[in-house]
Amino acid sequence: MHWLWAIIVGFVLGLIARAILPGRQHQPLWLTTLFGIAGAILGNAVATWIGVNETRGIDWIRHLLQLAGAVLVVGVGDMVYMALRGSKRTA
């Protein structure tokens, strides 16, 4: 069941990250979901590293770090995707 939550959270974080980033992102929705999952993993790693991964109540700092990771991964991932795909599509 954890994999299902990972997909759902990755999908939501990827969509939020795409909404936050300026301009148009060109990667497909499935890749946005994978980038969101990677951003959540990155955010969890940073939260563990700074010691805020387990707190009482809602882990707001961890969730913000997951979102920041998703924004970073979606932004960089879109640049890599466009570099590999080529600039055939324009905004």
PDB file of N, CA and C in Angstrom:
ATOM      1  N   MET A   1       0.808  -1.199   0.000  1.00  0.00           N
ATOM      2  CA  MET A   1       0.000   0.000   0.000  1.00  0.00           C
ATOM      3  C   MET A   1       0.856   1.270   0.000  1.00  0.00           C
ATOM      4  N   HIS A   2       2.117   1.152   0.451  1.00  0.00           N
ATOM      5  CA  HIS A   2       2.991   2.321   0.478  1.00  0.00           C
ATOM      6  C   HIS A   2       3.276   2.847  -0.927  1.00  0.00           C
ATOM      7  N   TRP A   3       3.359   1.944  -1.894  1.00  0.00           N
ATOM      8  CA  TRP A   3       3.640   2.383  -3.256  1.00  0.00           C
ATOM      9  C   TRP A   3       2.491   3.214  -3.814  1.00  0.00           C
ATOM     10  N   LEU A   4       1.251   2.885  -3.401  1.00  0.00           N
ATOM     11  CA  LEU A   4       0.106   3.661  -3.860  1.00  0.00           C
ATOM     12  C   LEU A   4       0.151   5.082  -3.302  1.00  0.00           C
ATOM     13  N   TRP A   5       0.476   5.200  -2.013  1.00  0.00           N
ATOM     14  CA  TRP A   5       0.605   6.533  -1.419  1.00  0.00           C
ATOM     15  C   TRP A   5       1.756   7.316  -2.048  1.00  0.00           C
ATOM     16  N   ALA A   6       2.841   6.622  -2.384  1.00  0.00           N
ATOM     17  CA  ALA A   6       3.962   7.294  -3.042  1.00  0.00           C
ATOM     18  C   ALA A   6       3.543   7.867  -4.390  1.00  0.00           C
ATOM     19  N   ILE A   7       2.746   7.120  -5.136  1.00  0.00           N
ATOM     20  CA  ILE A   7       2.267   7.597  -6.436  1.00  0.00           C
ATOM     21  C   ILE A   7       1.322   8.779  -6.257  1.00  0.00           C
ATOM     22  N   ILE A   8       0.407   8.683  -5.302  1.00  0.00           N
ATOM     23  CA  ILE A   8      -0.553   9.772  -5.069  1.00  0.00           C
ATOM     24  C   ILE A   8       0.163  11.040  -4.625  1.00  0.00           C
ATOM     25  N   VAL A   9       1.060  10.903  -3.646  1.00  0.00           N
ATOM     26  CA  VAL A   9       1.796  12.075  -3.146  1.00  0.00           C
ATOM     27  C   VAL A   9       2.687  12.642  -4.243  1.00  0.00           C
ATOM     28  N   GLY A  10       3.356  11.783  -5.010  1.00  0.00           N
ATOM     29  CA  GLY A  10       4.203  12.252  -6.110  1.00  0.00           C
ATOM     30  C   GLY A  10       3.403  12.991  -7.168  1.00  0.00           C
ATOM     31  N   PHE A  11       2.211  12.487  -7.472  1.00  0.00           N
ATOM     32  CA  PHE A  11       1.334  13.142  -8.445  1.00  0.00           C
ATOM     33  C   PHE A  11       0.929  14.534  -7.955  1.00  0.00           C
ATOM     34  N   VAL A  12       0.485  14.611  -6.708  1.00  0.00           N
ATOM     35  CA  VAL A  12       0.035  15.899  -6.153  1.00  0.00           C
ATOM     36  C   VAL A  12       1.206  16.876  -6.045  1.00  0.00           C
ATOM     37  N   LEU A  13       2.337  16.414  -5.516  1.00  0.00           N
ATOM     38  CA  LEU A  13       3.499  17.307  -5.394  1.00  0.00           C
ATOM     39  C   LEU A  13       4.007  17.750  -6.764  1.00  0.00           C
ATOM     40  N   GLY A  14       3.992  16.850  -7.734  1.00  0.00           N
ATOM     41  CA  GLY A  14       4.420  17.223  -9.088  1.00  0.00           C
ATOM     42  C   GLY A  14       3.522  18.279  -9.699  1.00  0.00           C
ATOM     43  N   LEU A  15       2.209  18.136  -9.520  1.00  0.00           N
ATOM     44  CA  LEU A  15       1.279  19.140 -10.046  1.00  0.00           C
ATOM     45  C   LEU A  15       1.441  20.484  -9.347  1.00  0.00           C
ATOM     46  N   ILE A  16       1.620  20.468  -8.038  1.00  0.00           N
ATOM     47  CA  ILE A  16       1.824  21.723  -7.308  1.00  0.00           C
ATOM     48  C   ILE A  16       3.133  22.373  -7.748  1.00  0.00           C
ATOM     49  N   ALA A  17       4.174  21.567  -7.914  1.00  0.00           N
ATOM     50  CA  ALA A  17       5.459  22.107  -8.359  1.00  0.00           C
ATOM     51  C   ALA A  17       5.340  22.731  -9.745  1.00  0.00           C
ATOM     52  N   ARG A  18       4.594  22.080 -10.647  1.00  0.00           N
ATOM     53  CA  ARG A  18       4.398  22.657 -11.984  1.00  0.00           C
ATOM     54  C   ARG A  18       3.635  23.966 -11.910  1.00  0.00           C
ATOM     55  N   ALA A  19       2.692  24.070 -10.972  1.00  0.00           N
ATOM     56  CA  ALA A  19       1.929  25.312 -10.824  1.00  0.00           C
ATOM     57  C   ALA A  19       2.799  26.426 -10.249  1.00  0.00           C
ATOM     58  N   ILE A  20       3.746  26.071  -9.397  1.00  0.00           N
ATOM     59  CA  ILE A  20       4.622  27.077  -8.778  1.00  0.00           C
ATOM     60  C   ILE A  20       5.657  27.594  -9.775  1.00  0.00           C
ATOM     61  N   LEU A  21       6.194  26.706 -10.588  1.00  0.00           N
ATOM     62  CA  LEU A  21       7.253  27.095 -11.522  1.00  0.00           C
ATOM     63  C   LEU A  21       6.707  28.027 -12.599  1.00  0.00           C
ATOM     64  N   PRO A  22       7.470  29.067 -12.936  1.00  0.00           N
ATOM     65  CA  PRO A  22       7.007  29.972 -13.994  1.00  0.00           C
ATOM     66  C   PRO A  22       7.165  29.331 -15.369  1.00  0.00           C
ATOM     67  N   GLY A  23       6.341  29.759 -16.272  1.00  0.00           N
ATOM     68  CA  GLY A  23       6.423  29.257 -17.641  1.00  0.00           C
ATOM     69  C   GLY A  23       5.731  27.922 -17.800  1.00  0.00           C
ATOM     70  N   ARG A  24       5.991  27.296 -18.915  1.00  0.00           N
ATOM     71  CA  ARG A  24       5.341  26.031 -19.250  1.00  0.00           C
ATOM     72  C   ARG A  24       6.349  24.903 -19.113  1.00  0.00           C
ATOM     73  N   GLN A  25       5.933  23.830 -18.459  1.00  0.00           N
ATOM     74  CA  GLN A  25       6.771  22.639 -18.386  1.00  0.00           C
ATOM     75  C   GLN A  25       6.314  21.676 -19.474  1.00  0.00           C
ATOM     76  N   HIS A  26       7.256  20.982 -20.067  1.00  0.00           N
ATOM     77  CA  HIS A  26       6.960  20.190 -21.253  1.00  0.00           C
ATOM     78  C   HIS A  26       6.920  18.689 -20.993  1.00  0.00           C
ATOM     79  N   GLN A  27       7.279  18.236 -19.808  1.00  0.00           N
ATOM     80  CA  GLN A  27       7.293  16.802 -19.555  1.00  0.00           C
ATOM     81  C   GLN A  27       5.877  16.268 -19.435  1.00  0.00           C
ATOM     82  N   PRO A  28       5.689  14.994 -19.793  1.00  0.00           N
ATOM     83  CA  PRO A  28       4.342  14.401 -19.677  1.00  0.00           C
ATOM     84  C   PRO A  28       3.950  14.207 -18.208  1.00  0.00           C
ATOM     85  N   LEU A  29       2.686  13.934 -17.993  1.00  0.00           N
ATOM     86  CA  LEU A  29       2.145  13.820 -16.642  1.00  0.00           C
ATOM     87  C   LEU A  29       2.772  12.667 -15.866  1.00  0.00           C
ATOM     88  N   TRP A  30       3.046  11.559 -16.523  1.00  0.00           N
ATOM     89  CA  TRP A  30       3.660  10.428 -15.821  1.00  0.00           C
ATOM     90  C   TRP A  30       5.060  10.780 -15.343  1.00  0.00           C
ATOM     91  N   LEU A  31       5.779  11.585 -16.115  1.00  0.00           N
ATOM     92  CA  LEU A  31       7.117  11.994 -15.713  1.00  0.00           C
ATOM     93  C   LEU A  31       7.044  13.021 -14.588  1.00  0.00           C
ATOM     94  N   THR A  32       6.029  13.874 -14.614  1.00  0.00           N
ATOM     95  CA  THR A  32       5.806  14.812 -13.516  1.00  0.00           C
ATOM     96  C   THR A  32       5.565  14.053 -12.214  1.00  0.00           C
ATOM     97  N   THR A  33       4.818  12.956 -12.295  1.00  0.00           N
ATOM     98  CA  THR A  33       4.569  12.133 -11.116  1.00  0.00           C
ATOM     99  C   THR A  33       5.871  11.528 -10.593  1.00  0.00           C
ATOM    100  N   LEU A  34       6.703  11.011 -11.491  1.00  0.00           N
ATOM    101  CA  LEU A  34       7.994  10.458 -11.070  1.00  0.00           C
ATOM    102  C   LEU A  34       8.887  11.532 -10.460  1.00  0.00           C
ATOM    103  N   PHE A  35       8.868  12.725 -11.049  1.00  0.00           N
ATOM    104  CA  PHE A  35       9.650  13.828 -10.488  1.00  0.00           C
ATOM    105  C   PHE A  35       9.120  14.215  -9.110  1.00  0.00           C
ATOM    106  N   GLY A  36       7.805  14.186  -8.936  1.00  0.00           N
ATOM    107  CA  GLY A  36       7.211  14.473  -7.638  1.00  0.00           C
ATOM    108  C   GLY A  36       7.605  13.460  -6.589  1.00  0.00           C
ATOM    109  N   ILE A  37       7.639  12.179  -6.969  1.00  0.00           N
ATOM    110  CA  ILE A  37       8.079  11.134  -6.050  1.00  0.00           C
ATOM    111  C   ILE A  37       9.541  11.350  -5.670  1.00  0.00           C
ATOM    112  N   ALA A  38      10.373  11.659  -6.651  1.00  0.00           N
ATOM    113  CA  ALA A  38      11.791  11.914  -6.380  1.00  0.00           C
ATOM    114  C   ALA A  38      11.959  13.137  -5.479  1.00  0.00           C
ATOM    115  N   GLY A  39      11.158  14.172  -5.700  1.00  0.00           N
ATOM    116  CA  GLY A  39      11.219  15.357  -4.840  1.00  0.00           C
ATOM    117  C   GLY A  39      10.800  15.059  -3.415  1.00  0.00           C
ATOM    118  N   ALA A  40       9.786  14.203  -3.252  1.00  0.00           N
ATOM    119  CA  ALA A  40       9.355  13.812  -1.913  1.00  0.00           C
ATOM    120  C   ALA A  40      10.451  13.028  -1.201  1.00  0.00           C
ATOM    121  N   ILE A  41      11.115  12.144  -1.919  1.00  0.00           N
ATOM    122  CA  ILE A  41      12.222  11.381  -1.335  1.00  0.00           C
ATOM    123  C   ILE A  41      13.354  12.315  -0.950  1.00  0.00           C
ATOM    124  N   LEU A  42      13.668  13.270  -1.815  1.00  0.00           N
ATOM    125  CA  LEU A  42      14.709  14.252  -1.514  1.00  0.00           C
ATOM    126  C   LEU A  42      14.338  15.081  -0.285  1.00  0.00           C
ATOM    127  N   GLY A  43      13.079  15.531  -0.215  1.00  0.00           N
ATOM    128  CA  GLY A  43      12.621  16.307   0.941  1.00  0.00           C
ATOM    129  C   GLY A  43      12.676  15.510   2.226  1.00  0.00           C
ATOM    130  N   ASN A  44      12.307  14.224   2.163  1.00  0.00           N
ATOM    131  CA  ASN A  44      12.404  13.366   3.346  1.00  0.00           C
ATOM    132  C   ASN A  44      13.844  13.181   3.784  1.00  0.00           C
ATOM    133  N   ALA A  45      14.754  13.042   2.830  1.00  0.00           N
ATOM    134  CA  ALA A  45      16.172  12.882   3.171  1.00  0.00           C
ATOM    135  C   ALA A  45      16.711  14.132   3.862  1.00  0.00           C
ATOM    136  N   VAL A  46      16.338  15.295   3.343  1.00  0.00           N
ATOM    137  CA  VAL A  46      16.789  16.546   3.971  1.00  0.00           C
ATOM    138  C   VAL A  46      16.172  16.694   5.364  1.00  0.00           C
ATOM    139  N   ALA A  47      14.896  16.338   5.508  1.00  0.00           N
ATOM    140  CA  ALA A  47      14.235  16.414   6.812  1.00  0.00           C
ATOM    141  C   ALA A  47      14.910  15.496   7.822  1.00  0.00           C
ATOM    142  N   THR A  48      15.282  14.309   7.393  1.00  0.00           N
ATOM    143  CA  THR A  48      15.998  13.387   8.277  1.00  0.00           C
ATOM    144  C   THR A  48      17.369  13.934   8.623  1.00  0.00           C
ATOM    145  N   TRP A  49      18.041  14.518   7.637  1.00  0.00           N
ATOM    146  CA  TRP A  49      19.380  15.047   7.841  1.00  0.00           C
ATOM    147  C   TRP A  49      19.383  16.186   8.859  1.00  0.00           C
ATOM    148  N   ILE A  50      18.352  17.055   8.826  1.00  0.00           N
ATOM    149  CA  ILE A  50      18.323  18.172   9.778  1.00  0.00           C
ATOM    150  C   ILE A  50      17.546  17.825  11.048  1.00  0.00           C
ATOM    151  N   GLY A  51      16.968  16.620  11.108  1.00  0.00           N
ATOM    152  CA  GLY A  51      16.344  16.147  12.331  1.00  0.00           C
ATOM    153  C   GLY A  51      14.897  16.549  12.544  1.00  0.00           C
ATOM    154  N   VAL A  52      14.155  16.820  11.486  1.00  0.00           N
ATOM    155  CA  VAL A  52      12.753  17.219  11.641  1.00  0.00           C
ATOM    156  C   VAL A  52      11.799  16.252  10.940  1.00  0.00           C
ATOM    157  N   ASN A  53      12.248  15.026  10.712  1.00  0.00           N
ATOM    158  CA  ASN A  53      11.396  14.085   9.983  1.00  0.00           C
ATOM    159  C   ASN A  53      10.277  13.527  10.850  1.00  0.00           C
ATOM    160  N   GLU A  54      10.433  13.490  12.154  1.00  0.00           N
ATOM    161  CA  GLU A  54       9.398  12.985  13.056  1.00  0.00           C
ATOM    162  C   GLU A  54       9.125  14.031  14.123  1.00  0.00           C
ATOM    163  N   THR A  55       7.962  14.648  14.057  1.00  0.00           N
ATOM    164  CA  THR A  55       7.563  15.633  15.064  1.00  0.00           C
ATOM    165  C   THR A  55       6.157  15.294  15.533  1.00  0.00           C
ATOM    166  N   ARG A  56       5.727  15.950  16.575  1.00  0.00           N
ATOM    167  CA  ARG A  56       4.360  15.753  17.045  1.00  0.00           C
ATOM    168  C   ARG A  56       3.394  16.434  16.080  1.00  0.00           C
ATOM    169  N   GLY A  57       2.277  15.801  15.848  1.00  0.00           N
ATOM    170  CA  GLY A  57       1.267  16.406  14.978  1.00  0.00           C
ATOM    171  C   GLY A  57       1.657  16.313  13.519  1.00  0.00           C
ATOM    172  N   ILE A  58       1.272  17.317  12.769  1.00  0.00           N
ATOM    173  CA  ILE A  58       1.552  17.349  11.332  1.00  0.00           C
ATOM    174  C   ILE A  58       2.980  17.835  11.118  1.00  0.00           C
ATOM    175  N   ASP A  59       3.694  17.141  10.284  1.00  0.00           N
ATOM    176  CA  ASP A  59       5.095  17.475   9.995  1.00  0.00           C
ATOM    177  C   ASP A  59       5.172  18.549   8.911  1.00  0.00           C
ATOM    178  N   TRP A  60       4.847  19.782   9.258  1.00  0.00           N
ATOM    179  CA  TRP A  60       4.791  20.860   8.273  1.00  0.00           C
ATOM    180  C   TRP A  60       6.140  21.110   7.627  1.00  0.00           C
ATOM    181  N   ILE A  61       7.196  21.082   8.421  1.00  0.00           N
ATOM    182  CA  ILE A  61       8.527  21.355   7.867  1.00  0.00           C
ATOM    183  C   ILE A  61       8.905  20.269   6.860  1.00  0.00           C
ATOM    184  N   ARG A  62       8.625  19.018   7.198  1.00  0.00           N
ATOM    185  CA  ARG A  62       8.921  17.922   6.280  1.00  0.00           C
ATOM    186  C   ARG A  62       8.123  18.063   4.993  1.00  0.00           C
ATOM    187  N   HIS A  63       6.857  18.438   5.108  1.00  0.00           N
ATOM    188  CA  HIS A  63       6.033  18.610   3.908  1.00  0.00           C
ATOM    189  C   HIS A  63       6.517  19.772   3.047  1.00  0.00           C
ATOM    190  N   LEU A  64       6.936  20.854   3.672  1.00  0.00           N
ATOM    191  CA  LEU A  64       7.493  21.977   2.906  1.00  0.00           C
ATOM    192  C   LEU A  64       8.795  21.581   2.219  1.00  0.00           C
ATOM    193  N   LEU A  65       9.615  20.779   2.902  1.00  0.00           N
ATOM    194  CA  LEU A  65      10.851  20.306   2.280  1.00  0.00           C
ATOM    195  C   LEU A  65      10.554  19.362   1.109  1.00  0.00           C
ATOM    196  N   GLN A  66       9.513  18.543   1.236  1.00  0.00           N
ATOM    197  CA  GLN A  66       9.109  17.685   0.125  1.00  0.00           C
ATOM    198  C   GLN A  66       8.659  18.523  -1.066  1.00  0.00           C
ATOM    199  N   LEU A  67       7.894  19.566  -0.808  1.00  0.00           N
ATOM    200  CA  LEU A  67       7.442  20.441  -1.889  1.00  0.00           C
ATOM    201  C   LEU A  67       8.623  21.163  -2.532  1.00  0.00           C
ATOM    202  N   ALA A  68       9.545  21.648  -1.717  1.00  0.00           N
ATOM    203  CA  ALA A  68      10.737  22.306  -2.267  1.00  0.00           C
ATOM    204  C   ALA A  68      11.553  21.335  -3.107  1.00  0.00           C
ATOM    205  N   GLY A  69      11.674  20.095  -2.637  1.00  0.00           N
ATOM    206  CA  GLY A  69      12.378  19.072  -3.423  1.00  0.00           C
ATOM    207  C   GLY A  69      11.678  18.801  -4.738  1.00  0.00           C
ATOM    208  N   ALA A  70      10.340  18.751  -4.709  1.00  0.00           N
ATOM    209  CA  ALA A  70       9.579  18.514  -5.932  1.00  0.00           C
ATOM    210  C   ALA A  70       9.749  19.669  -6.912  1.00  0.00           C
ATOM    211  N   VAL A  71       9.729  20.900  -6.427  1.00  0.00           N
ATOM    212  CA  VAL A  71       9.932  22.061  -7.300  1.00  0.00           C
ATOM    213  C   VAL A  71      11.315  21.985  -7.948  1.00  0.00           C
ATOM    214  N   LEU A  72      12.315  21.647  -7.151  1.00  0.00           N
ATOM    215  CA  LEU A  72      13.675  21.533  -7.673  1.00  0.00           C
ATOM    216  C   LEU A  72      13.777  20.429  -8.719  1.00  0.00           C
ATOM    217  N   VAL A  73      13.253  19.246  -8.408  1.00  0.00           N
ATOM    218  CA  VAL A  73      13.369  18.111  -9.324  1.00  0.00           C
ATOM    219  C   VAL A  73      12.540  18.334 -10.587  1.00  0.00           C
ATOM    220  N   VAL A  74      11.338  18.894 -10.465  1.00  0.00           N
ATOM    221  CA  VAL A  74      10.513  19.154 -11.646  1.00  0.00           C
ATOM    222  C   VAL A  74      11.180  20.212 -12.527  1.00  0.00           C
ATOM    223  N   GLY A  75      11.734  21.249 -11.922  1.00  0.00           N
ATOM    224  CA  GLY A  75      12.411  22.293 -12.704  1.00  0.00           C
ATOM    225  C   GLY A  75      13.632  21.777 -13.444  1.00  0.00           C
ATOM    226  N   VAL A  76      14.487  21.067 -12.734  1.00  0.00           N
ATOM    227  CA  VAL A  76      15.697  20.512 -13.365  1.00  0.00           C
ATOM    228  C   VAL A  76      15.318  19.395 -14.339  1.00  0.00           C
ATOM    229  N   GLY A  77      14.349  18.582 -13.934  1.00  0.00           N
ATOM    230  CA  GLY A  77      13.917  17.487 -14.804  1.00  0.00           C
ATOM    231  C   GLY A  77      13.350  17.975 -16.121  1.00  0.00           C
ATOM    232  N   ASP A  78      12.623  19.090 -16.091  1.00  0.00           N
ATOM    233  CA  ASP A  78      12.077  19.640 -17.330  1.00  0.00           C
ATOM    234  C   ASP A  78      13.195  20.117 -18.256  1.00  0.00           C
ATOM    235  N   MET A  79      14.219  20.733 -17.669  1.00  0.00           N
ATOM    236  CA  MET A  79      15.349  21.178 -18.492  1.00  0.00           C
ATOM    237  C   MET A  79      16.067  19.987 -19.120  1.00  0.00           C
ATOM    238  N   VAL A  80      16.272  18.926 -18.333  1.00  0.00           N
ATOM    239  CA  VAL A  80      16.931  17.730 -18.860  1.00  0.00           C
ATOM    240  C   VAL A  80      16.054  17.064 -19.914  1.00  0.00           C
ATOM    241  N   TYR A  81      14.763  16.990 -19.655  1.00  0.00           N
ATOM    242  CA  TYR A  81      13.826  16.385 -20.613  1.00  0.00           C
ATOM    243  C   TYR A  81      13.868  17.133 -21.941  1.00  0.00           C
ATOM    244  N   MET A  82      13.848  18.442 -21.876  1.00  0.00           N
ATOM    245  CA  MET A  82      13.869  19.222 -23.120  1.00  0.00           C
ATOM    246  C   MET A  82      15.218  19.116 -23.820  1.00  0.00           C
ATOM    247  N   ALA A  83      16.310  19.015 -23.056  1.00  0.00           N
ATOM    248  CA  ALA A  83      17.623  18.869 -23.677  1.00  0.00           C
ATOM    249  C   ALA A  83      17.739  17.517 -24.382  1.00  0.00           C
ATOM    250  N   LEU A  84      17.199  16.465 -23.765  1.00  0.00           N
ATOM    251  CA  LEU A  84      17.262  15.146 -24.379  1.00  0.00           C
ATOM    252  C   LEU A  84      16.295  15.013 -25.552  1.00  0.00           C
ATOM    253  N   ARG A  85      15.139  15.623 -25.419  1.00  0.00           N
ATOM    254  CA  ARG A  85      14.113  15.537 -26.461  1.00  0.00           C
ATOM    255  C   ARG A  85      14.414  16.491 -27.613  1.00  0.00           C
ATOM    256  N   GLY A  86      15.069  17.580 -27.303  1.00  0.00           N
ATOM    257  CA  GLY A  86      15.312  18.587 -28.312  1.00  0.00           C
ATOM    258  C   GLY A  86      14.270  19.683 -28.206  1.00  0.00           C
ATOM    259  N   SER A  87      14.531  20.787 -28.799  1.00  0.00           N
ATOM    260  CA  SER A  87      13.618  21.940 -28.701  1.00  0.00           C
ATOM    261  C   SER A  87      12.615  21.940 -29.843  1.00  0.00           C
ATOM    262  N   LYS A  88      12.032  20.800 -30.120  1.00  0.00           N
ATOM    263  CA  LYS A  88      11.044  20.711 -31.189  1.00  0.00           C
ATOM    264  C   LYS A  88       9.754  21.424 -30.821  1.00  0.00           C
ATOM    265  N   ARG A  89       9.413  21.374 -29.523  1.00  0.00           N
ATOM    266  CA  ARG A  89       8.195  22.014 -29.052  1.00  0.00           C
ATOM    267  C   ARG A  89       8.543  23.351 -28.426  1.00  0.00           C
ATOM    268  N   THR A  90       7.779  24.360 -28.748  1.00  0.00           N
ATOM    269  CA  THR A  90       8.022  25.675 -28.183  1.00  0.00           C
ATOM    270  C   THR A  90       6.856  26.051 -27.292  1.00  0.00           C
ATOM    271  N   ALA A  91       7.102  27.006 -26.420  1.00  0.00           N
ATOM    272  CA  ALA A  91       6.057  27.420 -25.466  1.00  0.00           C
ATOM    273  C   ALA A  91       5.012  28.249 -26.067  1.00  0.00           C
TER     274      ALA A  91
END
